[in-house]
Each structure stands twice: as structure tokens, then as C-alpha cells.
Amino acid sequence: MSNVLNEEVIMTAIAKLSVLDLAPVVQGSNANEAFARAKELAQHVERLGYHRFWMAEHHNMPDIASAATSTLLAYIGAHTQRIRIGSGGVMLPNHAPMIVAEQYGTLAALFPERVDLGIGRAPGSDGVTTRALRRDAKAAEDLLPQLEELQYFLGEEQPGQRVRAYPGVGSHVPLWLLGSSTYSALLAAQKGLPFAFAAHFAPDFMMRAIELYREQFQPSAQLSAPYVMVAVNAIAAATNEQAEFLATTGQQKFVSMIRGQEGLIPPPTDNMDAIWTELERQQVTRMLRESIIGNKEKVQAGLRGLQARTGADEIMLHNIIYDQQARLNSYELIMHG
């Protein structure tokens, strides 16, 4: 066996690999086509041996079609057999906890032992959209009461309990805390929940958040020891140059976000310097600095390095790639080379 394959076996034995998808809508397509691409991707990574396939809640973004996350997960679950599916995540302050319990209790009944419920506290959109969601402006300041209410509706029925989530009650859908700051890390530690850090767009507090989570973790009925997942952007192609070219689609997406511009996911470009200013280049580079981009050897080495730095039990991969076949190939190269 070659050294490369030996290293690959070591890497995949250390950390499970999973996938985060937002059902991106590329230029020239629509939401229906984005859903078909998401289904194809989920089936593809299931065959490749990825552990989870998560989707995230975002609103008022024409290039992201995963706003109704639980509905879309039902579609993905119906077209896969084994891979775990879940939210990465549900922005709990946007919802009544009972409704979330009903939705994910339904998913758990449809797909037993396959459903995760990742919880975040960000709005998943801009301030105007936040108000349209009927969201209490202060709801995200303290997630603990909402989290405990959700646990109440997913747990065993209590004596005298008059309001129950059907389905949902007694389902004990596994909960995760997601975040890009120390707040979520500390809450996950307090409640004894697994913690997923969003290094794919906000890596600044990654190491500190993970350190605090492990230091202050309190065992719970769900989890006896800390469990860390790190989400990163990863793009693999036949050559480093091809991977860097594919990555310009995501770079353009982040430039548009900085400028407050809307639009669908663009094709890659040969010349980012004609698109971004120097300040924008610096901002995007900072936000995406944990991205791992290159040929299979470079990406696999980067994932091993990330795992060594963070001690992550699992790494969740995300990418923004315009071409569907290139997206499928990227996940295949990363897993199997």
C-alpha cells in the first residue's frame, strides 16, 4: 500500500467525516433543481461512507434553498438508507420549541436512529427578515430556557404533563449545540451536549471555544464525554490549480455578502482581482482561512492537520461549488482519493 493510502486510512480512522449542504441555487437553475442536486449529493456521500448529511436554516437568501430545513430533510431521508440526517442547524429563537420537537419527532419516527437536531441561536438572516420571522429581538441572548423547553418536549412524558409533542415526546432526538463563539461552547458543556464549531465561515474563536467546552463539560444522559465536530470548507480536485479555480465561486459569494448584494451562486472565475477590492480580499481570506483546498493529497493532509490541532472527533465538510459533477468528485477524492 502506498504512503498516500496509509495516510488516508490513518486520517479517516481518527475523525469521522460528514457533510453540510445548504441546497445552493446556482445561476441558471432554481430551487427544484437545487433540491435534486442535494438529493444526488446525499446519495453519493452515503455510498462513499460519510457519517452525516446535515442541512442548515437560512432565510431571505435567493441562493440558499434550505430554509424549510425539516421539510427538506424528510425528502433527503426518503431517498437515502443509512446516513444520518440532521439540522446544522435549526435557529431555535426563530421557533416555538414545541414545533421543533414535533417536526424532528416526526423525522425520527420516519427515519429511526438516523436523525440529529443541531441547534443554533443566530437569526439565519438579516435584521429585517428577523422581524418578519416574529422573532423576539432578545430571544438569542439566553438560549438556555428555549433549549430546556425543547428537551422537555423530546423527553419522556412527565406526571401531570398536559402539553405534549406528538410525535416527539419520548423520542430523545440527539441534540447538538452549534456555534462560532464561546457562548455556545459553554452552553454545550453545561448541558452535556456535543458541540459543533462553524469554522467554515467564522474561525476566530475556534480553538478557545473547543478548549472551554472540553474544560467545562458536564456529563449528561445523552453524552458521557466531550464530543467535538469542526465544520470547514474543503474542495478537492485533480490539481491544486483546479481546486483553487473552483473555490472562486465561494469567494464571490462572500464578497457579495460583504457588499449586501443578493444573487444566485456564480460560476468560478479566472480573475478574482477583477471582482474584489484589496480590503474585501483581506476580509474574505480571514473568514475562509480554515478552508482546505487542493488536490486529494493536500486536502487529506489539511484535514489531518486540522484534526491534530483541534482534537476533533468528527469533521464536517462544506463547499460552494458551481458545477455539480465537480462537487461530487470533490467529496469522492477526499474520502477515497
Protein backbone atom coordinates (compact mmCIF):
# COMPACT_ATOMS: atom_id res chain seq x y z
CA MET A 1 0.00 0.00 0.00
CA SER A 2 1.33 3.45 -0.90
CA ASN A 3 2.22 6.06 1.70
CA VAL A 4 -0.71 8.18 0.49
CA LEU A 5 -3.17 5.37 1.12
CA ASN A 6 -1.62 4.63 4.50
CA GLU A 7 -2.07 8.29 5.45
CA GLU A 8 -5.65 8.24 4.20
CA VAL A 9 -6.51 5.24 6.36
CA ILE A 10 -4.95 6.95 9.38
CA MET A 11 -6.87 10.17 8.71
CA THR A 12 -10.27 8.57 8.30
CA ALA A 13 -9.69 6.33 11.33
CA ILE A 14 -9.07 9.37 13.55
CA ALA A 15 -12.03 11.53 12.61
CA LYS A 16 -15.38 10.72 11.09
CA LEU A 17 -16.21 12.77 8.01
CA SER A 18 -19.64 14.31 7.42
CA VAL A 19 -21.25 16.78 5.01
CA LEU A 20 -23.07 20.09 5.42
CA ASP A 21 -25.22 21.23 2.49
CA LEU A 22 -27.38 24.34 2.05
CA ALA A 23 -29.13 23.31 -1.19
CA PRO A 24 -27.33 26.11 -3.07
CA VAL A 25 -29.14 27.60 -6.06
CA VAL A 26 -26.64 28.25 -8.85
CA GLN A 27 -27.07 30.73 -11.67
CA GLY A 28 -29.29 29.30 -14.41
CA SER A 29 -31.18 26.99 -12.04
CA ASN A 30 -33.95 27.12 -9.44
CA ALA A 31 -34.94 25.65 -6.08
CA ASN A 32 -36.35 22.49 -7.63
CA GLU A 33 -33.02 21.77 -9.29
CA ALA A 34 -31.17 22.63 -6.06
CA PHE A 35 -33.22 20.01 -4.23
CA ALA A 36 -32.41 17.41 -6.87
CA ARG A 37 -28.72 18.25 -6.54
CA ALA A 38 -28.95 17.93 -2.76
CA LYS A 39 -30.59 14.52 -3.08
CA GLU A 40 -27.93 13.35 -5.51
CA LEU A 41 -25.20 14.61 -3.20
CA ALA A 42 -26.70 12.88 -0.16
CA GLN A 43 -26.95 9.58 -2.02
CA HIS A 44 -23.39 10.00 -3.30
CA VAL A 45 -21.79 10.70 0.08
CA GLU A 46 -23.80 7.89 1.67
CA ARG A 47 -22.26 5.46 -0.83
CA LEU A 48 -18.82 6.91 -0.10
CA GLY A 49 -19.18 6.28 3.63
CA TYR A 50 -19.71 9.75 5.07
CA HIS A 51 -21.31 9.68 8.51
CA ARG A 52 -23.88 12.50 8.45
CA PHE A 53 -25.64 14.77 5.98
CA TRP A 54 -26.83 17.99 7.59
CA MET A 55 -28.72 20.96 6.19
CA ALA A 56 -28.98 24.47 7.62
CA GLU A 57 -31.70 27.05 8.13
CA HIS A 58 -31.21 30.35 6.29
CA HIS A 59 -33.80 32.94 5.27
CA ASN A 60 -34.26 35.62 2.61
CA MET A 61 -31.30 34.33 0.61
CA PRO A 62 -32.14 33.53 -3.03
CA ASP A 63 -29.06 31.32 -3.40
CA ILE A 64 -29.90 29.05 -0.42
CA ALA A 65 -32.95 26.79 -0.66
CA SER A 66 -32.79 25.06 2.73
CA ALA A 67 -34.99 27.50 4.70
CA ALA A 68 -37.64 24.85 5.47
CA THR A 69 -34.96 22.54 6.84
CA SER A 70 -37.12 19.82 8.38
CA THR A 71 -39.22 19.51 5.21
CA LEU A 72 -36.13 19.16 3.06
CA LEU A 73 -34.61 16.60 5.45
CA ALA A 74 -37.73 14.45 5.01
CA TYR A 75 -37.05 14.46 1.27
CA ILE A 76 -33.39 13.57 1.79
CA GLY A 77 -34.21 10.86 4.31
CA ALA A 78 -36.70 9.24 1.95
CA HIS A 79 -34.03 8.95 -0.74
CA THR A 80 -31.24 7.55 1.45
CA GLN A 81 -30.96 4.44 3.60
CA ARG A 82 -28.25 4.69 6.25
CA ILE A 83 -26.58 8.07 6.51
CA ARG A 84 -27.58 10.19 9.49
CA ILE A 85 -29.54 13.31 8.56
CA GLY A 86 -29.99 16.43 10.60
CA SER A 87 -30.05 20.16 11.03
CA GLY A 88 -26.87 22.15 11.04
CA GLY A 89 -28.81 23.84 12.35
CA VAL A 90 -32.24 24.97 13.42
CA MET A 91 -32.07 28.54 14.72
CA LEU A 92 -34.12 27.88 17.83
CA PRO A 93 -35.03 31.50 18.71
CA ASN A 94 -36.92 31.62 15.38
CA HIS A 95 -39.31 28.86 16.51
CA ALA A 96 -41.52 27.62 19.29
CA PRO A 97 -39.63 24.67 20.86
CA MET A 98 -42.78 22.52 20.72
CA ILE A 99 -42.99 22.98 16.94
CA VAL A 100 -39.36 21.94 16.54
CA ALA A 101 -39.99 18.90 18.74
CA GLU A 102 -42.95 17.90 16.57
CA GLN A 103 -41.00 18.36 13.35
CA TYR A 104 -37.94 16.41 14.44
CA GLY A 105 -40.02 13.87 16.33
CA THR A 106 -41.77 13.25 13.01
CA LEU A 107 -38.42 12.83 11.25
CA ALA A 108 -37.23 10.46 13.97
CA ALA A 109 -40.37 8.35 13.53
CA LEU A 110 -39.86 8.25 9.77
CA PHE A 111 -36.13 7.51 9.97
CA PRO A 112 -35.39 5.76 13.28
CA GLU A 113 -31.88 6.16 14.71
CA ARG A 114 -30.86 8.45 11.86
CA VAL A 115 -31.89 11.97 12.93
CA ASP A 116 -29.82 14.70 14.64
CA LEU A 117 -31.11 18.06 15.83
CA GLY A 118 -28.43 20.74 15.74
CA ILE A 119 -29.42 24.00 17.46
CA GLY A 120 -28.08 27.50 16.89
CA ARG A 121 -29.09 30.93 18.10
CA ALA A 122 -28.26 33.23 15.16
CA PRO A 123 -31.20 34.55 13.12
CA GLY A 124 -30.02 32.90 9.92
CA SER A 125 -30.63 36.15 8.07
CA ASP A 126 -30.69 39.94 8.28
CA GLY A 127 -32.42 42.14 10.84
CA VAL A 128 -35.47 42.97 8.71
CA THR A 129 -36.07 39.28 7.99
CA THR A 130 -35.60 38.51 11.66
CA ARG A 131 -38.56 40.75 12.46
CA ALA A 132 -40.58 39.08 9.71
CA LEU A 133 -39.98 35.76 11.44
CA ARG A 134 -41.80 37.17 14.53
CA ARG A 135 -38.60 36.61 16.48
CA ASP A 136 -38.15 38.24 19.88
CA ALA A 137 -35.17 40.55 19.49
CA LYS A 138 -33.84 39.35 22.85
CA ALA A 139 -34.53 35.65 22.30
CA ALA A 140 -30.96 34.81 21.36
CA GLU A 141 -29.45 36.45 24.44
CA ASP A 142 -30.18 33.40 26.58
CA LEU A 143 -30.75 30.16 24.71
CA LEU A 144 -30.89 28.01 27.84
CA PRO A 145 -34.64 28.30 28.60
CA GLN A 146 -35.55 27.51 25.00
CA LEU A 147 -33.14 24.58 24.90
CA GLU A 148 -34.54 23.15 28.11
CA GLU A 149 -38.09 23.55 26.81
CA LEU A 150 -37.10 21.64 23.69
CA GLN A 151 -35.55 18.88 25.81
CA TYR A 152 -38.75 18.76 27.84
CA PHE A 153 -40.87 18.12 24.75
CA LEU A 154 -38.46 15.49 23.36
CA GLY A 155 -38.05 13.69 26.68
CA GLU A 156 -40.23 11.20 28.49
CA GLU A 157 -43.72 12.33 29.44
CA GLN A 158 -43.80 13.72 32.96
CA PRO A 159 -46.58 13.10 35.53
CA GLY A 160 -49.31 15.65 35.02
CA GLN A 161 -47.84 16.93 31.75
CA ARG A 162 -50.75 18.43 29.80
CA VAL A 163 -48.96 19.65 26.66
CA ARG A 164 -47.03 17.07 24.65
CA ALA A 165 -45.38 16.96 21.24
CA TYR A 166 -46.90 14.21 19.12
CA PRO A 167 -44.73 12.78 17.68
CA GLY A 168 -41.72 13.88 19.63
CA VAL A 169 -42.44 13.00 23.24
CA GLY A 170 -40.09 10.23 24.34
CA SER A 171 -38.11 10.35 21.09
CA HIS A 172 -34.94 11.75 22.68
CA VAL A 173 -33.72 13.04 19.32
CA PRO A 174 -29.98 13.69 19.84
CA LEU A 175 -29.33 17.40 20.34
CA TRP A 176 -26.21 19.30 19.30
CA LEU A 177 -25.15 22.86 20.09
CA LEU A 178 -23.73 24.73 17.11
CA GLY A 179 -21.83 27.97 17.23
CA SER A 180 -18.95 30.21 16.27
CA SER A 181 -18.27 31.66 19.72
CA THR A 182 -17.55 30.66 23.27
CA TYR A 183 -21.23 31.17 24.25
CA SER A 184 -22.43 28.01 22.50
CA ALA A 185 -19.36 26.09 23.66
CA LEU A 186 -20.06 26.89 27.29
CA LEU A 187 -23.77 26.09 26.98
CA ALA A 188 -22.97 22.76 25.29
CA ALA A 189 -20.55 21.96 28.12
CA GLN A 190 -23.12 22.92 30.77
CA LYS A 191 -25.83 20.75 29.22
CA GLY A 192 -23.56 17.82 28.31
CA LEU A 193 -24.24 18.04 24.58
CA PRO A 194 -21.98 17.52 21.58
CA PHE A 195 -20.55 20.75 20.16
CA ALA A 196 -20.08 21.72 16.51
CA PHE A 197 -17.95 24.75 15.67
CA ALA A 198 -18.59 26.74 12.47
CA ALA A 199 -15.02 27.25 11.27
CA HIS A 200 -16.25 27.27 7.68
CA PHE A 201 -17.22 30.94 7.94
CA ALA A 202 -16.22 32.25 11.40
CA PRO A 203 -12.99 30.61 12.62
CA ASP A 204 -11.78 33.33 15.01
CA PHE A 205 -12.76 31.63 18.28
CA MET A 206 -12.34 28.00 17.18
CA MET A 207 -9.50 26.95 19.46
CA ARG A 208 -10.72 28.88 22.52
CA ALA A 209 -14.29 27.60 22.17
CA ILE A 210 -13.15 23.99 21.89
CA GLU A 211 -10.81 24.39 24.86
CA LEU A 212 -13.54 25.85 27.07
CA TYR A 213 -16.01 23.19 26.00
CA ARG A 214 -13.67 20.38 26.99
CA GLU A 215 -12.60 22.05 30.24
CA GLN A 216 -16.14 22.66 31.49
CA PHE A 217 -18.01 19.67 30.06
CA GLN A 218 -20.54 18.07 32.40
CA PRO A 219 -21.71 14.53 31.55
CA SER A 220 -25.39 14.10 30.73
CA ALA A 221 -27.84 11.33 29.93
CA GLN A 222 -27.10 11.94 26.25
CA LEU A 223 -23.30 12.19 26.39
CA SER A 224 -20.73 10.95 28.89
CA ALA A 225 -17.65 12.73 27.47
CA PRO A 226 -16.99 15.78 25.27
CA TYR A 227 -17.59 15.35 21.55
CA VAL A 228 -16.32 17.98 19.13
CA MET A 229 -17.16 18.43 15.48
CA VAL A 230 -15.49 21.12 13.37
CA ALA A 231 -17.11 22.34 10.14
CA VAL A 232 -14.71 23.53 7.43
CA ASN A 233 -14.81 24.31 3.74
CA ALA A 234 -12.97 21.65 1.75
CA ILE A 235 -12.57 21.43 -2.02
CA ALA A 236 -10.57 18.74 -3.78
CA ALA A 237 -9.84 18.41 -7.48
CA ALA A 238 -7.31 16.66 -9.70
CA THR A 239 -4.82 19.51 -9.26
CA ASN A 240 -4.29 22.33 -6.79
CA GLU A 241 -4.95 24.82 -9.58
CA GLN A 242 -8.30 23.27 -10.47
CA ALA A 243 -9.37 23.27 -6.82
CA GLU A 244 -8.38 26.92 -6.38
CA PHE A 245 -10.39 27.77 -9.51
CA LEU A 246 -13.49 26.01 -8.12
CA ALA A 247 -13.05 27.86 -4.83
CA THR A 248 -13.53 31.24 -6.51
CA THR A 249 -17.28 30.58 -6.55
CA GLY A 250 -17.36 30.65 -2.75
CA GLN A 251 -15.08 33.66 -2.65
CA GLN A 252 -17.51 35.55 -4.90
CA LYS A 253 -20.37 34.53 -2.61
CA PHE A 254 -18.60 36.03 0.40
CA VAL A 255 -17.79 39.23 -1.48
CA SER A 256 -21.50 39.59 -2.25
CA MET A 257 -22.34 39.04 1.42
CA ILE A 258 -19.89 41.76 2.47
CA ARG A 259 -21.48 44.15 -0.04
CA GLY A 260 -25.04 43.21 0.96
CA GLN A 261 -25.78 42.05 -2.58
CA GLU A 262 -28.20 39.26 -3.46
CA GLY A 263 -27.92 36.78 -6.29
CA LEU A 264 -27.53 33.14 -7.21
CA ILE A 265 -24.32 31.14 -6.86
CA PRO A 266 -21.95 32.26 -9.67
CA PRO A 267 -19.61 30.15 -11.80
CA PRO A 268 -15.90 30.24 -10.94
CA THR A 269 -13.64 32.92 -12.37
CA ASP A 270 -10.06 33.11 -13.56
CA ASN A 271 -9.58 36.56 -12.07
CA MET A 272 -10.82 37.36 -8.55
CA ASP A 273 -8.71 40.52 -8.56
CA ALA A 274 -11.14 41.98 -11.09
CA ILE A 275 -14.00 41.32 -8.65
CA TRP A 276 -12.85 42.13 -5.12
CA THR A 277 -11.07 45.12 -3.66
CA GLU A 278 -7.96 44.61 -1.56
CA LEU A 279 -9.95 45.17 1.63
CA GLU A 280 -12.59 42.66 0.53
CA ARG A 281 -9.84 40.16 -0.33
CA GLN A 282 -8.47 40.51 3.18
CA GLN A 283 -11.92 40.12 4.75
CA VAL A 284 -12.79 37.03 2.71
CA THR A 285 -9.38 35.49 3.32
CA ARG A 286 -9.84 35.93 7.06
CA MET A 287 -13.33 34.44 7.10
CA LEU A 288 -12.29 31.47 4.95
CA ARG A 289 -8.80 30.93 6.34
CA GLU A 290 -9.55 27.43 7.64
CA SER A 291 -10.60 26.31 4.15
CA ILE A 292 -8.71 23.31 2.81
CA ILE A 293 -8.32 23.48 -0.96
CA GLY A 294 -6.18 21.45 -3.35
CA ASN A 295 -5.56 18.01 -4.76
CA LYS A 296 -6.51 14.94 -2.73
CA GLU A 297 -3.14 14.72 -1.00
CA LYS A 298 -3.21 18.37 0.04
CA VAL A 299 -6.79 18.20 1.32
CA GLN A 300 -6.27 14.95 3.21
CA ALA A 301 -3.11 16.38 4.79
CA GLY A 302 -5.02 19.54 5.70
CA LEU A 303 -7.76 17.52 7.38
CA ARG A 304 -5.19 15.55 9.35
CA GLY A 305 -3.61 18.84 10.42
CA LEU A 306 -6.99 20.26 11.48
CA GLN A 307 -7.75 17.13 13.47
CA ALA A 308 -4.35 17.29 15.15
CA ARG A 309 -4.83 20.96 16.12
CA THR A 310 -8.37 20.64 17.41
CA GLY A 311 -8.63 17.02 18.52
CA ALA A 312 -11.94 16.93 16.65
CA ASP A 313 -13.90 13.71 16.94
CA GLU A 314 -15.58 14.50 13.62
CA ILE A 315 -15.05 16.90 10.74
CA MET A 316 -18.00 18.21 8.73
CA LEU A 317 -17.16 19.30 5.20
CA HIS A 318 -18.88 22.11 3.32
CA ASN A 319 -18.18 23.64 -0.05
CA ILE A 320 -19.68 26.09 -2.51
CA ILE A 321 -19.03 24.63 -5.96
CA TYR A 322 -20.93 25.73 -9.04
CA ASP A 323 -20.66 22.52 -11.08
CA GLN A 324 -22.48 19.51 -9.63
CA GLN A 325 -20.09 16.90 -11.00
CA ALA A 326 -17.12 18.79 -9.59
CA ARG A 327 -18.90 18.86 -6.24
CA LEU A 328 -19.49 15.10 -6.30
CA ASN A 329 -15.91 14.46 -7.38
CA SER A 330 -14.56 16.62 -4.56
CA TYR A 331 -16.23 14.54 -1.86
CA GLU A 332 -15.09 11.33 -3.55
CA LEU A 333 -11.46 12.46 -3.76
CA ILE A 334 -11.47 13.49 -0.11
CA MET A 335 -12.87 10.21 1.13
CA HIS A 336 -11.22 7.72 -1.16
CA GLY A 337 -8.74 9.55 -3.41
